[in-house]
Amino acid sequence: MKWVAVLVVFLLAGYLTIAFNWTYSDGNRAGYIQKFSRKGWVCKTHEGELAMTTVPGLAPVLWGFTVSDEQVASDLSRAMGKRVILHYKEYRYLPTTCFGDTDYFVDRVEIQD
C-alpha cells in the first residue's frame, strides 16, 4: 500500500512538471488595460482584462489574463490607460485556480506611446 502512495506522488509531480513547463501556445495581444486587480481567498493572483479594439467606435473585445510575476504586475499597474502589448503563454489543464483564474499568463509588457 505504501508503494501506491509513492507512485501517486510521483505521477502528480510528473503531471505538474509537464503542465508548468510546456505551453499550449504563446503570443502577443495589444490593447488597453481595462481592469487589473489582485484577488483570491487563499491564493492571491493578479488578474486583468485587456480591451482589444480594431476600429474606434466599435465595442472592444475583452481578454482575461493572469500575472504571476510581481515586476510585470507593477509594470501593468503603471500602464493603466495606455496602449500596451502583452506577451503571454497559455497553460492548459492546471489542477486548480490557485495558479490563476485564466489559462493565459502574461510574462512581459510593452507600453506603446
PDB file of N, CA and C in Angstrom:
ATOM      1  N   MET A   1       0.823  -1.199   0.000  1.00  0.00           N
ATOM      2  CA  MET A   1       0.000   0.000   0.000  1.00  0.00           C
ATOM      3  C   MET A   1       0.863   1.257   0.000  1.00  0.00           C
ATOM      4  N   LYS A   2       2.023   1.171   0.633  1.00  0.00           N
ATOM      5  CA  LYS A   2       2.922   2.311   0.703  1.00  0.00           C
ATOM      6  C   LYS A   2       3.451   2.692  -0.682  1.00  0.00           C
ATOM      7  N   TRP A   3       3.718   1.699  -1.502  1.00  0.00           N
ATOM      8  CA  TRP A   3       4.235   1.970  -2.836  1.00  0.00           C
ATOM      9  C   TRP A   3       3.200   2.645  -3.726  1.00  0.00           C
ATOM     10  N   VAL A   4       1.919   2.412  -3.470  1.00  0.00           N
ATOM     11  CA  VAL A   4       0.848   3.072  -4.232  1.00  0.00           C
ATOM     12  C   VAL A   4       0.870   4.571  -3.946  1.00  0.00           C
ATOM     13  N   ALA A   5       1.041   4.928  -2.681  1.00  0.00           N
ATOM     14  CA  ALA A   5       1.103   6.350  -2.319  1.00  0.00           C
ATOM     15  C   ALA A   5       2.319   7.016  -2.949  1.00  0.00           C
ATOM     16  N   VAL A   6       3.433   6.332  -2.952  1.00  0.00           N
ATOM     17  CA  VAL A   6       4.652   6.874  -3.570  1.00  0.00           C
ATOM     18  C   VAL A   6       4.454   7.041  -5.075  1.00  0.00           C
ATOM     19  N   LEU A   7       3.821   6.069  -5.701  1.00  0.00           N
ATOM     20  CA  LEU A   7       3.542   6.136  -7.135  1.00  0.00           C
ATOM     21  C   LEU A   7       2.635   7.320  -7.458  1.00  0.00           C
ATOM     22  N   VAL A   8       1.600   7.518  -6.653  1.00  0.00           N
ATOM     23  CA  VAL A   8       0.679   8.646  -6.860  1.00  0.00           C
ATOM     24  C   VAL A   8       1.423   9.975  -6.732  1.00  0.00           C
ATOM     25  N   VAL A   9       2.292  10.107  -5.748  1.00  0.00           N
ATOM     26  CA  VAL A   9       3.066  11.337  -5.560  1.00  0.00           C
ATOM     27  C   VAL A   9       3.963  11.590  -6.766  1.00  0.00           C
ATOM     28  N   PHE A  10       4.631  10.549  -7.269  1.00  0.00           N
ATOM     29  CA  PHE A  10       5.500  10.718  -8.434  1.00  0.00           C
ATOM     30  C   PHE A  10       4.706  11.065  -9.686  1.00  0.00           C
ATOM     31  N   LEU A  11       3.549  10.449  -9.880  1.00  0.00           N
ATOM     32  CA  LEU A  11       2.706  10.776 -11.030  1.00  0.00           C
ATOM     33  C   LEU A  11       2.202  12.211 -10.962  1.00  0.00           C
ATOM     34  N   LEU A  12       1.798  12.649  -9.777  1.00  0.00           N
ATOM     35  CA  LEU A  12       1.339  14.021  -9.597  1.00  0.00           C
ATOM     36  C   LEU A  12       2.482  15.011  -9.850  1.00  0.00           C
ATOM     37  N   ALA A  13       3.664  14.711  -9.344  1.00  0.00           N
ATOM     38  CA  ALA A  13       4.821  15.583  -9.567  1.00  0.00           C
ATOM     39  C   ALA A  13       5.175  15.646 -11.055  1.00  0.00           C
ATOM     40  N   GLY A  14       5.090  14.520 -11.744  1.00  0.00           N
ATOM     41  CA  GLY A  14       5.353  14.495 -13.182  1.00  0.00           C
ATOM     42  C   GLY A  14       4.337  15.305 -13.958  1.00  0.00           C
ATOM     43  N   TYR A  15       3.060  15.155 -13.590  1.00  0.00           N
ATOM     44  CA  TYR A  15       1.997  15.922 -14.245  1.00  0.00           C
ATOM     45  C   TYR A  15       2.212  17.426 -14.065  1.00  0.00           C
ATOM     46  N   LEU A  16       2.513  17.865 -12.837  1.00  0.00           N
ATOM     47  CA  LEU A  16       2.732  19.287 -12.579  1.00  0.00           C
ATOM     48  C   LEU A  16       3.958  19.810 -13.312  1.00  0.00           C
ATOM     49  N   THR A  17       4.998  19.007 -13.388  1.00  0.00           N
ATOM     50  CA  THR A  17       6.196  19.410 -14.122  1.00  0.00           C
ATOM     51  C   THR A  17       5.874  19.644 -15.594  1.00  0.00           C
ATOM     52  N   ILE A  18       5.129  18.755 -16.180  1.00  0.00           N
ATOM     53  CA  ILE A  18       4.748  18.912 -17.586  1.00  0.00           C
ATOM     54  C   ILE A  18       3.815  20.106 -17.754  1.00  0.00           C
ATOM     55  N   ALA A  19       2.823  20.239 -16.892  1.00  0.00           N
ATOM     56  CA  ALA A  19       1.829  21.317 -17.014  1.00  0.00           C
ATOM     57  C   ALA A  19       2.458  22.694 -16.908  1.00  0.00           C
ATOM     58  N   PHE A  20       3.495  22.848 -16.077  1.00  0.00           N
ATOM     59  CA  PHE A  20       4.097  24.165 -15.877  1.00  0.00           C
ATOM     60  C   PHE A  20       5.283  24.459 -16.786  1.00  0.00           C
ATOM     61  N   ASN A  21       5.764  23.469 -17.517  1.00  0.00           N
ATOM     62  CA  ASN A  21       6.929  23.706 -18.360  1.00  0.00           C
ATOM     63  C   ASN A  21       6.638  23.661 -19.852  1.00  0.00           C
ATOM     64  N   TRP A  22       5.514  23.117 -20.261  1.00  0.00           N
ATOM     65  CA  TRP A  22       5.150  23.077 -21.661  1.00  0.00           C
ATOM     66  C   TRP A  22       3.924  23.939 -21.881  1.00  0.00           C
ATOM     67  N   THR A  23       4.059  24.909 -22.766  1.00  0.00           N
ATOM     68  CA  THR A  23       2.932  25.793 -23.041  1.00  0.00           C
ATOM     69  C   THR A  23       2.135  25.265 -24.234  1.00  0.00           C
ATOM     70  N   TYR A  24       0.845  25.518 -24.180  1.00  0.00           N
ATOM     71  CA  TYR A  24      -0.020  25.161 -25.289  1.00  0.00           C
ATOM     72  C   TYR A  24       0.179  26.154 -26.434  1.00  0.00           C
ATOM     73  N   SER A  25       0.280  27.438 -26.072  1.00  0.00           N
ATOM     74  CA  SER A  25       0.517  28.476 -27.064  1.00  0.00           C
ATOM     75  C   SER A  25       1.165  29.678 -26.389  1.00  0.00           C
ATOM     76  N   ASP A  26       1.720  30.556 -27.200  1.00  0.00           N
ATOM     77  CA  ASP A  26       2.204  31.836 -26.690  1.00  0.00           C
ATOM     78  C   ASP A  26       2.075  32.856 -27.806  1.00  0.00           C
ATOM     79  N   GLY A  27       2.012  34.128 -27.416  1.00  0.00           N
ATOM     80  CA  GLY A  27       1.831  35.172 -28.407  1.00  0.00           C
ATOM     81  C   GLY A  27       1.715  36.536 -27.761  1.00  0.00           C
ATOM     82  N   ASN A  28       1.214  37.486 -28.546  1.00  0.00           N
ATOM     83  CA  ASN A  28       1.052  38.865 -28.095  1.00  0.00           C
ATOM     84  C   ASN A  28      -0.375  39.315 -28.337  1.00  0.00           C
ATOM     85  N   ARG A  29      -0.832  40.188 -27.469  1.00  0.00           N
ATOM     86  CA  ARG A  29      -2.131  40.845 -27.646  1.00  0.00           C
ATOM     87  C   ARG A  29      -1.947  42.320 -27.321  1.00  0.00           C
ATOM     88  N   ALA A  30      -2.612  43.174 -28.089  1.00  0.00           N
ATOM     89  CA  ALA A  30      -2.476  44.615 -27.905  1.00  0.00           C
ATOM     90  C   ALA A  30      -3.823  45.225 -27.552  1.00  0.00           C
ATOM     91  N   GLY A  31      -3.769  46.257 -26.736  1.00  0.00           N
ATOM     92  CA  GLY A  31      -4.983  46.955 -26.350  1.00  0.00           C
ATOM     93  C   GLY A  31      -4.739  47.825 -25.143  1.00  0.00           C
ATOM     94  N   TYR A  32      -5.793  48.071 -24.399  1.00  0.00           N
ATOM     95  CA  TYR A  32      -5.743  48.924 -23.217  1.00  0.00           C
ATOM     96  C   TYR A  32      -6.151  48.112 -21.987  1.00  0.00           C
ATOM     97  N   ILE A  33      -5.388  48.254 -20.912  1.00  0.00           N
ATOM     98  CA  ILE A  33      -5.732  47.560 -19.679  1.00  0.00           C
ATOM     99  C   ILE A  33      -7.005  48.191 -19.130  1.00  0.00           C
ATOM    100  N   GLN A  34      -8.052  47.403 -19.041  1.00  0.00           N
ATOM    101  CA  GLN A  34      -9.332  47.919 -18.553  1.00  0.00           C
ATOM    102  C   GLN A  34      -9.493  47.653 -17.060  1.00  0.00           C
ATOM    103  N   LYS A  35      -8.999  46.505 -16.619  1.00  0.00           N
ATOM    104  CA  LYS A  35      -9.158  46.133 -15.217  1.00  0.00           C
ATOM    105  C   LYS A  35      -7.928  45.350 -14.808  1.00  0.00           C
ATOM    106  N   PHE A  36      -7.424  45.634 -13.596  1.00  0.00           N
ATOM    107  CA  PHE A  36      -6.284  44.889 -13.082  1.00  0.00           C
ATOM    108  C   PHE A  36      -6.373  44.883 -11.568  1.00  0.00           C
ATOM    109  N   SER A  37      -6.385  43.685 -10.982  1.00  0.00           N
ATOM    110  CA  SER A  37      -6.543  43.590  -9.530  1.00  0.00           C
ATOM    111  C   SER A  37      -5.851  42.338  -9.006  1.00  0.00           C
ATOM    112  N   ARG A  38      -5.656  42.333  -7.705  1.00  0.00           N
ATOM    113  CA  ARG A  38      -5.105  41.169  -7.010  1.00  0.00           C
ATOM    114  C   ARG A  38      -6.273  40.536  -6.264  1.00  0.00           C
ATOM    115  N   LYS A  39      -6.535  39.258  -6.519  1.00  0.00           N
ATOM    116  CA  LYS A  39      -7.712  38.661  -5.913  1.00  0.00           C
ATOM    117  C   LYS A  39      -7.483  37.205  -5.548  1.00  0.00           C
ATOM    118  N   GLY A  40      -8.391  36.687  -4.748  1.00  0.00           N
ATOM    119  CA  GLY A  40      -8.342  35.299  -4.316  1.00  0.00           C
ATOM    120  C   GLY A  40      -8.506  35.204  -2.816  1.00  0.00           C
ATOM    121  N   TRP A  41      -9.136  34.128  -2.342  1.00  0.00           N
ATOM    122  CA  TRP A  41      -9.335  33.938  -0.909  1.00  0.00           C
ATOM    123  C   TRP A  41      -8.058  33.470  -0.242  1.00  0.00           C
ATOM    124  N   VAL A  42      -7.463  32.438  -0.760  1.00  0.00           N
ATOM    125  CA  VAL A  42      -6.257  31.874  -0.161  1.00  0.00           C
ATOM    126  C   VAL A  42      -5.048  32.177  -1.036  1.00  0.00           C
ATOM    127  N   CYS A  43      -5.147  31.845  -2.294  1.00  0.00           N
ATOM    128  CA  CYS A  43      -4.060  32.075  -3.248  1.00  0.00           C
ATOM    129  C   CYS A  43      -4.323  33.387  -3.982  1.00  0.00           C
ATOM    130  N   LYS A  44      -3.587  34.409  -3.662  1.00  0.00           N
ATOM    131  CA  LYS A  44      -3.760  35.713  -4.300  1.00  0.00           C
ATOM    132  C   LYS A  44      -3.049  35.732  -5.642  1.00  0.00           C
ATOM    133  N   THR A  45      -3.769  36.104  -6.690  1.00  0.00           N
ATOM    134  CA  THR A  45      -3.184  36.231  -8.023  1.00  0.00           C
ATOM    135  C   THR A  45      -3.580  37.577  -8.608  1.00  0.00           C
ATOM    136  N   HIS A  46      -2.795  38.041  -9.553  1.00  0.00           N
ATOM    137  CA  HIS A  46      -3.101  39.276 -10.268  1.00  0.00           C
ATOM    138  C   HIS A  46      -3.908  38.904 -11.514  1.00  0.00           C
ATOM    139  N   GLU A  47      -5.096  39.470 -11.619  1.00  0.00           N
ATOM    140  CA  GLU A  47      -5.989  39.181 -12.737  1.00  0.00           C
ATOM    141  C   GLU A  47      -6.325  40.478 -13.444  1.00  0.00           C
ATOM    142  N   GLY A  48      -6.456  40.422 -14.774  1.00  0.00           N
ATOM    143  CA  GLY A  48      -6.762  41.630 -15.519  1.00  0.00           C
ATOM    144  C   GLY A  48      -7.572  41.359 -16.766  1.00  0.00           C
ATOM    145  N   GLU A  49      -8.013  42.461 -17.362  1.00  0.00           N
ATOM    146  CA  GLU A  49      -8.734  42.408 -18.633  1.00  0.00           C
ATOM    147  C   GLU A  49      -8.113  43.418 -19.580  1.00  0.00           C
ATOM    148  N   LEU A  50      -7.874  42.968 -20.786  1.00  0.00           N
ATOM    149  CA  LEU A  50      -7.349  43.818 -21.843  1.00  0.00           C
ATOM    150  C   LEU A  50      -8.475  44.103 -22.822  1.00  0.00           C
ATOM    151  N   ALA A  51      -8.733  45.379 -23.092  1.00  0.00           N
ATOM    152  CA  ALA A  51      -9.750  45.767 -24.067  1.00  0.00           C
ATOM    153  C   ALA A  51      -9.062  45.904 -25.424  1.00  0.00           C
ATOM    154  N   MET A  52      -9.384  44.986 -26.317  1.00  0.00           N
ATOM    155  CA  MET A  52      -8.780  44.995 -27.654  1.00  0.00           C
ATOM    156  C   MET A  52      -9.788  45.561 -28.637  1.00  0.00           C
ATOM    157  N   THR A  53      -9.383  46.597 -29.350  1.00  0.00           N
ATOM    158  CA  THR A  53     -10.259  47.210 -30.334  1.00  0.00           C
ATOM    159  C   THR A  53      -9.495  47.425 -31.628  1.00  0.00           C
ATOM    160  N   THR A  54     -10.161  47.214 -32.741  1.00  0.00           N
ATOM    161  CA  THR A  54      -9.507  47.390 -34.030  1.00  0.00           C
ATOM    162  C   THR A  54      -9.902  48.707 -34.682  1.00  0.00           C
ATOM    163  N   VAL A  55     -11.141  49.115 -34.486  1.00  0.00           N
ATOM    164  CA  VAL A  55     -11.644  50.344 -35.083  1.00  0.00           C
ATOM    165  C   VAL A  55     -12.280  51.190 -33.986  1.00  0.00           C
ATOM    166  N   PRO A  56     -11.873  52.459 -33.851  1.00  0.00           N
ATOM    167  CA  PRO A  56     -12.508  53.311 -32.837  1.00  0.00           C
ATOM    168  C   PRO A  56     -14.011  53.389 -33.054  1.00  0.00           C
ATOM    169  N   GLY A  57     -14.757  53.309 -31.989  1.00  0.00           N
ATOM    170  CA  GLY A  57     -16.200  53.375 -32.046  1.00  0.00           C
ATOM    171  C   GLY A  57     -16.869  52.015 -31.929  1.00  0.00           C
ATOM    172  N   LEU A  58     -16.134  50.953 -32.210  1.00  0.00           N
ATOM    173  CA  LEU A  58     -16.691  49.608 -32.052  1.00  0.00           C
ATOM    174  C   LEU A  58     -16.455  49.125 -30.631  1.00  0.00           C
ATOM    175  N   ALA A  59     -17.325  48.240 -30.178  1.00  0.00           N
ATOM    176  CA  ALA A  59     -17.173  47.685 -28.833  1.00  0.00           C
ATOM    177  C   ALA A  59     -15.907  46.821 -28.777  1.00  0.00           C
ATOM    178  N   PRO A  60     -15.098  47.001 -27.746  1.00  0.00           N
ATOM    179  CA  PRO A  60     -13.859  46.214 -27.656  1.00  0.00           C
ATOM    180  C   PRO A  60     -14.132  44.771 -27.253  1.00  0.00           C
ATOM    181  N   VAL A  61     -13.219  43.902 -27.631  1.00  0.00           N
ATOM    182  CA  VAL A  61     -13.241  42.508 -27.193  1.00  0.00           C
ATOM    183  C   VAL A  61     -12.413  42.446 -25.918  1.00  0.00           C
ATOM    184  N   LEU A  62     -12.970  41.855 -24.855  1.00  0.00           N
ATOM    185  CA  LEU A  62     -12.260  41.772 -23.585  1.00  0.00           C
ATOM    186  C   LEU A  62     -11.543  40.426 -23.485  1.00  0.00           C
ATOM    187  N   TRP A  63     -10.290  40.488 -23.061  1.00  0.00           N
ATOM    188  CA  TRP A  63      -9.458  39.292 -22.930  1.00  0.00           C
ATOM    189  C   TRP A  63      -8.932  39.221 -21.504  1.00  0.00           C
ATOM    190  N   GLY A  64      -9.270  38.162 -20.797  1.00  0.00           N
ATOM    191  CA  GLY A  64      -8.832  37.978 -19.421  1.00  0.00           C
ATOM    192  C   GLY A  64      -7.456  37.332 -19.359  1.00  0.00           C
ATOM    193  N   PHE A  65      -6.649  37.767 -18.387  1.00  0.00           N
ATOM    194  CA  PHE A  65      -5.308  37.223 -18.240  1.00  0.00           C
ATOM    195  C   PHE A  65      -4.900  37.194 -16.774  1.00  0.00           C
ATOM    196  N   THR A  66      -3.841  36.437 -16.488  1.00  0.00           N
ATOM    197  CA  THR A  66      -3.274  36.295 -15.152  1.00  0.00           C
ATOM    198  C   THR A  66      -1.811  36.700 -15.189  1.00  0.00           C
ATOM    199  N   VAL A  67      -1.326  37.298 -14.101  1.00  0.00           N
ATOM    200  CA  VAL A  67       0.085  37.655 -13.984  1.00  0.00           C
ATOM    201  C   VAL A  67       0.618  37.030 -12.695  1.00  0.00           C
ATOM    202  N   SER A  68       1.721  36.300 -12.810  1.00  0.00           N
ATOM    203  CA  SER A  68       2.312  35.690 -11.615  1.00  0.00           C
ATOM    204  C   SER A  68       3.585  36.406 -11.167  1.00  0.00           C
ATOM    205  N   ASP A  69       4.199  37.198 -12.033  1.00  0.00           N
ATOM    206  CA  ASP A  69       5.438  37.908 -11.721  1.00  0.00           C
ATOM    207  C   ASP A  69       5.111  39.290 -11.132  1.00  0.00           C
ATOM    208  N   GLU A  70       5.653  39.575  -9.955  1.00  0.00           N
ATOM    209  CA  GLU A  70       5.368  40.850  -9.274  1.00  0.00           C
ATOM    210  C   GLU A  70       5.868  42.064 -10.076  1.00  0.00           C
ATOM    211  N   GLN A  71       7.008  41.933 -10.766  1.00  0.00           N
ATOM    212  CA  GLN A  71       7.540  43.054 -11.558  1.00  0.00           C
ATOM    213  C   GLN A  71       6.624  43.361 -12.737  1.00  0.00           C
ATOM    214  N   VAL A  72       6.125  42.337 -13.398  1.00  0.00           N
ATOM    215  CA  VAL A  72       5.187  42.535 -14.512  1.00  0.00           C
ATOM    216  C   VAL A  72       3.893  43.141 -13.990  1.00  0.00           C
ATOM    217  N   ALA A  73       3.432  42.696 -12.828  1.00  0.00           N
ATOM    218  CA  ALA A  73       2.214  43.262 -12.230  1.00  0.00           C
ATOM    219  C   ALA A  73       2.406  44.744 -11.930  1.00  0.00           C
ATOM    220  N   SER A  74       3.564  45.117 -11.433  1.00  0.00           N
ATOM    221  CA  SER A  74       3.855  46.523 -11.153  1.00  0.00           C
ATOM    222  C   SER A  74       3.875  47.333 -12.450  1.00  0.00           C
ATOM    223  N   ASP A  75       4.489  46.783 -13.498  1.00  0.00           N
ATOM    224  CA  ASP A  75       4.516  47.466 -14.802  1.00  0.00           C
ATOM    225  C   ASP A  75       3.107  47.658 -15.351  1.00  0.00           C
ATOM    226  N   LEU A  76       2.255  46.655 -15.198  1.00  0.00           N
ATOM    227  CA  LEU A  76       0.879  46.762 -15.690  1.00  0.00           C
ATOM    228  C   LEU A  76       0.075  47.785 -14.903  1.00  0.00           C
ATOM    229  N   SER A  77       0.306  47.882 -13.607  1.00  0.00           N
ATOM    230  CA  SER A  77      -0.402  48.877 -12.800  1.00  0.00           C
ATOM    231  C   SER A  77      -0.057  50.287 -13.265  1.00  0.00           C
ATOM    232  N   ARG A  78       1.191  50.503 -13.630  1.00  0.00           N
ATOM    233  CA  ARG A  78       1.614  51.826 -14.120  1.00  0.00           C
ATOM    234  C   ARG A  78       1.117  52.104 -15.537  1.00  0.00           C
ATOM    235  N   ALA A  79       0.758  51.057 -16.269  1.00  0.00           N
ATOM    236  CA  ALA A  79       0.347  51.206 -17.665  1.00  0.00           C
ATOM    237  C   ALA A  79      -1.152  51.402 -17.837  1.00  0.00           C
ATOM    238  N   MET A  80      -1.894  51.496 -16.756  1.00  0.00           N
ATOM    239  CA  MET A  80      -3.350  51.682 -16.878  1.00  0.00           C
ATOM    240  C   MET A  80      -3.645  52.930 -17.713  1.00  0.00           C
ATOM    241  N   GLY A  81      -4.534  52.772 -18.692  1.00  0.00           N
ATOM    242  CA  GLY A  81      -4.922  53.887 -19.549  1.00  0.00           C
ATOM    243  C   GLY A  81      -4.027  54.087 -20.759  1.00  0.00           C
ATOM    244  N   LYS A  82      -2.953  53.322 -20.870  1.00  0.00           N
ATOM    245  CA  LYS A  82      -2.045  53.432 -22.016  1.00  0.00           C
ATOM    246  C   LYS A  82      -2.188  52.189 -22.884  1.00  0.00           C
ATOM    247  N   ARG A  83      -1.852  52.356 -24.155  1.00  0.00           N
ATOM    248  CA  ARG A  83      -1.885  51.202 -25.054  1.00  0.00           C
ATOM    249  C   ARG A  83      -0.684  50.315 -24.743  1.00  0.00           C
ATOM    250  N   VAL A  84      -0.933  49.010 -24.629  1.00  0.00           N
ATOM    251  CA  VAL A  84       0.124  48.069 -24.284  1.00  0.00           C
ATOM    252  C   VAL A  84       0.103  46.864 -25.225  1.00  0.00           C
ATOM    253  N   ILE A  85       1.239  46.201 -25.299  1.00  0.00           N
ATOM    254  CA  ILE A  85       1.337  44.901 -25.954  1.00  0.00           C
ATOM    255  C   ILE A  85       1.745  43.915 -24.868  1.00  0.00           C
ATOM    256  N   LEU A  86       0.927  42.886 -24.677  1.00  0.00           N
ATOM    257  CA  LEU A  86       1.183  41.890 -23.654  1.00  0.00           C
ATOM    258  C   LEU A  86       1.657  40.600 -24.306  1.00  0.00           C
ATOM    259  N   HIS A  87       2.780  40.076 -23.830  1.00  0.00           N
ATOM    260  CA  HIS A  87       3.230  38.760 -24.276  1.00  0.00           C
ATOM    261  C   HIS A  87       2.724  37.743 -23.264  1.00  0.00           C
ATOM    262  N   TYR A  88       2.140  36.667 -23.754  1.00  0.00           N
ATOM    263  CA  TYR A  88       1.542  35.685 -22.848  1.00  0.00           C
ATOM    264  C   TYR A  88       1.941  34.268 -23.244  1.00  0.00           C
ATOM    265  N   LYS A  89       1.765  33.374 -22.291  1.00  0.00           N
ATOM    266  CA  LYS A  89       1.892  31.941 -22.516  1.00  0.00           C
ATOM    267  C   LYS A  89       0.608  31.295 -22.012  1.00  0.00           C
ATOM    268  N   GLU A  90       0.093  30.354 -22.773  1.00  0.00           N
ATOM    269  CA  GLU A  90      -1.143  29.670 -22.388  1.00  0.00           C
ATOM    270  C   GLU A  90      -0.807  28.292 -21.832  1.00  0.00           C
ATOM    271  N   TYR A  91      -1.234  28.065 -20.596  1.00  0.00           N
ATOM    272  CA  TYR A  91      -1.051  26.775 -19.937  1.00  0.00           C
ATOM    273  C   TYR A  91      -2.432  26.158 -19.739  1.00  0.00           C
ATOM    274  N   ARG A  92      -2.621  24.981 -20.280  1.00  0.00           N
ATOM    275  CA  ARG A  92      -3.913  24.311 -20.141  1.00  0.00           C
ATOM    276  C   ARG A  92      -3.843  23.222 -19.084  1.00  0.00           C
ATOM    277  N   TYR A  93      -4.982  22.934 -18.500  1.00  0.00           N
ATOM    278  CA  TYR A  93      -5.176  21.821 -17.564  1.00  0.00           C
ATOM    279  C   TYR A  93      -4.369  21.954 -16.275  1.00  0.00           C
ATOM    280  N   LEU A  94      -4.241  23.177 -15.779  1.00  0.00           N
ATOM    281  CA  LEU A  94      -3.632  23.344 -14.458  1.00  0.00           C
ATOM    282  C   LEU A  94      -4.615  22.811 -13.425  1.00  0.00           C
ATOM    283  N   PRO A  95      -4.126  22.196 -12.354  1.00  0.00           N
ATOM    284  CA  PRO A  95      -5.017  21.459 -11.454  1.00  0.00           C
ATOM    285  C   PRO A  95      -6.007  22.298 -10.654  1.00  0.00           C
ATOM    286  N   THR A  96      -5.674  23.541 -10.309  1.00  0.00           N
ATOM    287  CA  THR A  96      -6.599  24.369  -9.525  1.00  0.00           C
ATOM    288  C   THR A  96      -6.548  25.807 -10.031  1.00  0.00           C
ATOM    289  N   THR A  97      -7.466  26.633  -9.548  1.00  0.00           N
ATOM    290  CA  THR A  97      -7.425  28.058  -9.875  1.00  0.00           C
ATOM    291  C   THR A  97      -6.482  28.805  -8.941  1.00  0.00           C
ATOM    292  N   CYS A  98      -5.774  28.086  -8.097  1.00  0.00           N
ATOM    293  CA  CYS A  98      -4.825  28.709  -7.184  1.00  0.00           C
ATOM    294  C   CYS A  98      -3.674  29.362  -7.957  1.00  0.00           C
ATOM    295  N   PHE A  99      -3.445  28.922  -9.193  1.00  0.00           N
ATOM    296  CA  PHE A  99      -2.373  29.480 -10.008  1.00  0.00           C
ATOM    297  C   PHE A  99      -2.859  30.666 -10.830  1.00  0.00           C
ATOM    298  N   GLY A 100      -4.157  30.831 -10.956  1.00  0.00           N
ATOM    299  CA  GLY A 100      -4.736  31.925 -11.718  1.00  0.00           C
ATOM    300  C   GLY A 100      -6.120  31.556 -12.220  1.00  0.00           C
ATOM    301  N   ASP A 101      -6.932  32.571 -12.498  1.00  0.00           N
ATOM    302  CA  ASP A 101      -8.301  32.340 -12.963  1.00  0.00           C
ATOM    303  C   ASP A 101      -8.367  32.011 -14.454  1.00  0.00           C
ATOM    304  N   THR A 102      -7.306  32.331 -15.202  1.00  0.00           N
ATOM    305  CA  THR A 102      -7.321  32.103 -16.648  1.00  0.00           C
ATOM    306  C   THR A 102      -6.211  31.138 -17.029  1.00  0.00           C
ATOM    307  N   ASP A 103      -6.229  30.741 -18.287  1.00  0.00           N
ATOM    308  CA  ASP A 103      -5.152  29.907 -18.827  1.00  0.00           C
ATOM    309  C   ASP A 103      -4.019  30.753 -19.397  1.00  0.00           C
ATOM    310  N   TYR A 104      -4.223  32.077 -19.479  1.00  0.00           N
ATOM    311  CA  TYR A 104      -3.268  32.969 -20.123  1.00  0.00           C
ATOM    312  C   TYR A 104      -2.442  33.706 -19.074  1.00  0.00           C
ATOM    313  N   PHE A 105      -1.123  33.489 -19.094  1.00  0.00           N
ATOM    314  CA  PHE A 105      -0.220  34.084 -18.113  1.00  0.00           C
ATOM    315  C   PHE A 105       0.697  35.082 -18.816  1.00  0.00           C
ATOM    316  N   VAL A 106       0.542  36.359 -18.477  1.00  0.00           N
ATOM    317  CA  VAL A 106       1.355  37.415 -19.082  1.00  0.00           C
ATOM    318  C   VAL A 106       2.720  37.419 -18.409  1.00  0.00           C
ATOM    319  N   ASP A 107       3.767  37.404 -19.233  1.00  0.00           N
ATOM    320  CA  ASP A 107       5.123  37.413 -18.679  1.00  0.00           C
ATOM    321  C   ASP A 107       5.946  38.620 -19.111  1.00  0.00           C
ATOM    322  N   ARG A 108       5.378  39.456 -19.982  1.00  0.00           N
ATOM    323  CA  ARG A 108       6.105  40.651 -20.429  1.00  0.00           C
ATOM    324  C   ARG A 108       5.106  41.687 -20.920  1.00  0.00           C
ATOM    325  N   VAL A 109       5.390  42.959 -20.651  1.00  0.00           N
ATOM    326  CA  VAL A 109       4.520  44.048 -21.088  1.00  0.00           C
ATOM    327  C   VAL A 109       5.373  45.102 -21.791  1.00  0.00           C
ATOM    328  N   GLU A 110       4.833  45.611 -22.896  1.00  0.00           N
ATOM    329  CA  GLU A 110       5.487  46.684 -23.635  1.00  0.00           C
ATOM    330  C   GLU A 110       4.493  47.826 -23.738  1.00  0.00           C
ATOM    331  N   ILE A 111       4.862  49.002 -23.245  1.00  0.00           N
ATOM    332  CA  ILE A 111       3.965  50.163 -23.268  1.00  0.00           C
ATOM    333  C   ILE A 111       4.178  50.926 -24.566  1.00  0.00           C
ATOM    334  N   GLN A 112       3.095  51.195 -25.270  1.00  0.00           N
ATOM    335  CA  GLN A 112       3.145  51.936 -26.537  1.00  0.00           C
ATOM    336  C   GLN A 112       2.886  53.415 -26.264  1.00  0.00           C
ATOM    337  N   ASP A 113       3.669  54.266 -26.868  1.00  0.00           N
ATOM    338  CA  ASP A 113       3.469  55.716 -26.706  1.00  0.00           C
ATOM    339  C   ASP A 113       2.810  56.329 -27.912  1.00  0.00           C
TER     340      ASP A 113
END
